[in-house]
Amino acid sequence: MTKIMKQNREARGYTQADMAKMLKCSENFYNLVENGHRNPSVEKAKIIGEKLGFDWKYIYEEKE
């Protein structure tokens, strides 16, 4: 999932800072989520999925 998150984010022209602003979290927290070290809340996962174009539930599947 982490590769898909990064690829989709970059394809849409978003930086990690942009995503952090959308999620109302720190850039560091978003970086940890994108790199598979932290799980966001369901609310934040839904925003990530919406903004990056995938089913938010994939965030909680086994890490690659």
Protein backbone atom coordinates (compact mmCIF):
# COMPACT_ATOMS: atom_id res chain seq x y z
CA MET A 1 0.00 0.00 0.00
CA THR A 2 2.78 2.44 0.79
CA LYS A 3 4.02 2.44 -2.81
CA ILE A 4 0.51 3.07 -4.10
CA MET A 5 0.00 5.96 -1.69
CA LYS A 6 3.23 7.63 -2.80
CA GLN A 7 2.62 7.02 -6.50
CA ASN A 8 -0.95 8.30 -6.36
CA ARG A 9 0.06 11.32 -4.30
CA GLU A 10 2.82 12.26 -6.73
CA ALA A 11 0.60 11.61 -9.76
CA ARG A 12 -1.89 14.13 -8.37
CA GLY A 13 0.85 16.68 -7.74
CA TYR A 14 0.52 16.62 -3.95
CA THR A 15 3.45 16.87 -1.56
CA GLN A 16 3.47 15.23 1.84
CA ALA A 17 2.96 18.73 3.27
CA ASP A 18 -0.17 19.12 1.10
CA MET A 19 -1.55 15.83 2.40
CA ALA A 20 -0.77 16.79 6.00
CA LYS A 21 -2.74 20.02 5.56
CA MET A 22 -5.72 18.13 4.12
CA LEU A 23 -5.61 15.71 7.04
CA LYS A 24 -4.96 18.41 9.65
CA CYS A 25 -1.94 16.52 10.96
CA SER A 26 1.80 17.03 11.00
CA GLU A 27 3.89 16.30 7.95
CA ASN A 28 5.88 13.87 10.09
CA PHE A 29 2.73 11.89 10.93
CA TYR A 30 1.72 11.71 7.27
CA ASN A 31 5.23 10.55 6.38
CA LEU A 32 4.94 7.74 8.94
CA VAL A 33 1.57 6.71 7.47
CA GLU A 34 2.84 6.79 3.89
CA ASN A 35 5.88 4.71 4.86
CA GLY A 36 3.78 2.11 6.69
CA HIS A 37 4.97 2.90 10.22
CA ARG A 38 1.66 4.28 11.55
CA ASN A 39 -2.03 3.74 10.86
CA PRO A 40 -4.24 6.80 10.60
CA SER A 41 -7.67 7.04 12.17
CA VAL A 42 -10.55 5.80 10.03
CA GLU A 43 -11.56 9.42 9.44
CA LYS A 44 -8.09 10.29 8.10
CA ALA A 45 -7.87 7.05 6.11
CA LYS A 46 -11.11 7.96 4.33
CA ILE A 47 -9.70 11.37 3.40
CA ILE A 48 -6.48 9.79 2.12
CA GLY A 49 -8.45 7.30 0.03
CA GLU A 50 -10.68 10.04 -1.37
CA LYS A 51 -7.80 12.37 -2.23
CA LEU A 52 -5.56 9.64 -3.66
CA GLY A 53 -8.19 7.58 -5.44
CA PHE A 54 -8.28 4.22 -3.69
CA ASP A 55 -10.40 2.35 -1.15
CA TRP A 56 -9.37 3.63 2.29
CA LYS A 57 -9.59 0.13 3.77
CA TYR A 58 -6.44 -0.86 1.90
CA ILE A 59 -4.45 1.27 4.33
CA TYR A 60 -5.15 -1.30 7.04
CA GLU A 61 -4.19 -4.37 5.02
CA GLU A 62 -0.88 -6.11 5.61
CA LYS A 63 2.10 -3.96 4.82
CA GLU A 64 4.08 -4.72 1.67
